[in-house]
Amino acid sequence: MDATTEEKNLFEKVKAIYMNRAMHIASTEKKLRALLEKASLKWQELSQNPTFSQVKFQVEVFIRMIRSHLNKKYSGLSNRSLGLLALGLFYFALPTDLIPDFIPFVGYVDDITVLLAIFKSLQSDIARFLEWERDQQA
């Protein structure tokens, strides 16, 4: 089995286990704000960790997308996209996921894999958001 197949299998397993919870969080502004806060705090702790260097851009985009959505500045997210973003941040913020984070190095591999898989599945949404962000800065 190649790495891509393993990544897809892990992503599908995570979706099956956590997607309902993520959709519930995404449908409630208060819970989504709490998730954003928790994920932002964890990201502050881990952003300088070399293990996370390959997903730095993705995590920061996810956080900005949800923050812009919550602040009612960006309205381009479908419920599915918002749910997947919530799934990514929920899984990232969860210390005891499929491979617990306290296991050195390996504990973060699943988090990184899930974040990258979600980023890949939301490419068009992310491209639209980044374009919207550029327009806001112009």
Protein backbone atom coordinates (compact mmCIF):
# COMPACT_ATOMS: atom_id res chain seq x y z
CA MET A 1 0.00 0.00 0.00
CA ASP A 2 1.48 3.37 -0.98
CA ALA A 3 1.57 6.52 1.16
CA THR A 4 -1.28 8.18 -0.74
CA THR A 5 -3.56 5.21 -0.15
CA GLU A 6 -2.62 5.15 3.53
CA GLU A 7 -3.34 8.88 3.80
CA LYS A 8 -6.75 8.43 2.15
CA ASN A 9 -7.57 5.51 4.44
CA LEU A 10 -6.63 7.53 7.53
CA PHE A 11 -8.65 10.52 6.34
CA GLU A 12 -11.71 8.34 5.68
CA LYS A 13 -11.35 6.71 9.10
CA VAL A 14 -11.12 10.12 10.80
CA LYS A 15 -14.11 11.41 8.82
CA ALA A 16 -16.17 8.39 9.85
CA ILE A 17 -15.32 8.80 13.52
CA TYR A 18 -15.28 12.58 13.97
CA MET A 19 -17.33 14.17 11.16
CA ASN A 20 -20.66 14.19 13.00
CA ARG A 21 -19.04 15.92 15.96
CA ALA A 22 -17.29 18.41 13.67
CA MET A 23 -20.55 19.22 11.85
CA HIS A 24 -22.27 19.77 15.19
CA ILE A 25 -19.50 22.15 16.25
CA ALA A 26 -19.60 23.94 12.90
CA SER A 27 -23.36 24.49 13.19
CA THR A 28 -23.09 26.29 16.55
CA GLU A 29 -21.27 29.63 16.61
CA LYS A 30 -20.37 29.34 20.30
CA LYS A 31 -18.84 25.88 19.84
CA LEU A 32 -17.06 26.92 16.68
CA ARG A 33 -15.55 29.92 18.51
CA ALA A 34 -14.43 27.62 21.35
CA LEU A 35 -12.84 25.23 18.83
CA LEU A 36 -11.10 28.13 17.10
CA GLU A 37 -9.72 29.33 20.43
CA LYS A 38 -8.50 25.85 21.38
CA ALA A 39 -6.90 25.23 17.98
CA SER A 40 -5.29 28.69 17.98
CA LEU A 41 -3.76 28.08 21.41
CA LYS A 42 -2.43 24.69 20.36
CA TRP A 43 -1.06 26.23 17.18
CA GLN A 44 0.76 28.90 19.22
CA GLU A 45 2.42 26.09 21.17
CA LEU A 46 3.35 24.01 18.13
CA SER A 47 3.93 26.50 15.31
CA GLN A 48 7.68 26.56 15.91
CA ASN A 49 7.90 22.77 16.13
CA PRO A 50 9.77 21.57 13.01
CA THR A 51 7.37 18.63 12.72
CA PHE A 52 4.61 21.09 11.82
CA SER A 53 6.60 23.17 9.33
CA GLN A 54 4.98 21.35 6.40
CA VAL A 55 1.45 22.32 7.51
CA LYS A 56 2.13 25.83 8.84
CA PHE A 57 0.45 27.46 5.85
CA GLN A 58 -2.55 25.11 5.94
CA VAL A 59 -3.28 25.49 9.67
CA GLU A 60 -3.00 29.26 9.46
CA VAL A 61 -5.34 29.38 6.46
CA PHE A 62 -7.89 27.15 8.25
CA ILE A 63 -7.81 29.43 11.30
CA ARG A 64 -8.18 32.58 9.18
CA MET A 65 -11.03 31.04 7.17
CA ILE A 66 -13.04 30.11 10.25
CA ARG A 67 -12.27 33.42 11.96
CA SER A 68 -13.42 35.38 8.88
CA HIS A 69 -16.55 33.24 8.70
CA LEU A 70 -17.34 33.79 12.39
CA ASN A 71 -16.72 37.53 12.11
CA LYS A 72 -19.18 37.53 9.18
CA LYS A 73 -16.57 39.01 6.88
CA TYR A 74 -16.35 36.00 4.56
CA SER A 75 -19.49 34.20 3.42
CA GLY A 76 -18.04 31.86 0.82
CA LEU A 77 -18.00 28.67 2.89
CA SER A 78 -20.52 25.94 2.28
CA ASN A 79 -21.70 23.85 5.23
CA ARG A 80 -19.60 20.96 3.92
CA SER A 81 -16.45 23.09 3.72
CA LEU A 82 -17.04 24.58 7.15
CA GLY A 83 -17.58 21.08 8.51
CA LEU A 84 -14.31 19.85 7.00
CA LEU A 85 -12.44 22.87 8.38
CA ALA A 86 -13.93 22.18 11.79
CA LEU A 87 -12.97 18.51 11.43
CA GLY A 88 -9.36 19.46 10.70
CA LEU A 89 -9.05 21.85 13.62
CA PHE A 90 -10.98 19.54 15.94
CA TYR A 91 -8.70 16.63 15.14
CA PHE A 92 -5.62 18.86 15.44
CA ALA A 93 -6.74 20.24 18.83
CA LEU A 94 -7.74 16.83 20.17
CA PRO A 95 -4.83 15.45 22.24
CA THR A 96 -6.11 11.87 22.25
CA ASP A 97 -6.97 11.12 18.65
CA LEU A 98 -6.20 7.93 16.71
CA ILE A 99 -2.51 8.29 17.56
CA PRO A 100 -2.19 10.28 20.82
CA ASP A 101 -0.05 13.41 20.53
CA PHE A 102 2.14 12.54 23.50
CA ILE A 103 3.86 9.80 21.48
CA PRO A 104 7.02 11.51 20.17
CA PHE A 105 6.89 12.41 16.46
CA VAL A 106 4.44 9.65 15.50
CA GLY A 107 1.73 11.30 17.59
CA TYR A 108 1.62 14.21 15.16
CA VAL A 109 1.85 12.28 11.90
CA ASP A 110 -1.87 11.55 11.85
CA ASP A 111 -2.72 15.19 12.62
CA ILE A 112 -0.53 16.37 9.74
CA THR A 113 -1.97 13.75 7.38
CA VAL A 114 -5.54 14.76 8.19
CA LEU A 115 -4.78 18.48 7.81
CA LEU A 116 -3.13 17.92 4.44
CA ALA A 117 -5.97 15.70 3.21
CA ILE A 118 -8.57 18.31 4.17
CA PHE A 119 -6.50 21.06 2.58
CA LYS A 120 -6.31 19.03 -0.62
CA SER A 121 -10.07 18.35 -0.64
CA LEU A 122 -10.84 22.06 -0.16
CA GLN A 123 -8.44 23.43 -2.79
CA SER A 124 -11.05 25.45 -4.70
CA ASP A 125 -12.57 26.87 -1.48
CA ILE A 126 -9.13 27.83 -0.22
CA ALA A 127 -8.19 29.45 -3.53
CA ARG A 128 -11.38 31.56 -3.42
CA PHE A 129 -10.71 32.53 0.19
CA LEU A 130 -7.10 33.53 -0.53
CA GLU A 131 -8.27 35.60 -3.49
CA TRP A 132 -10.89 37.25 -1.27
CA GLU A 133 -8.18 37.98 1.32
CA ARG A 134 -5.95 39.59 -1.32
CA ASP A 135 -8.89 41.74 -2.47
CA GLN A 136 -9.49 42.87 1.12
CA GLN A 137 -5.89 44.01 1.44
CA ALA A 138 -5.94 45.94 -1.86
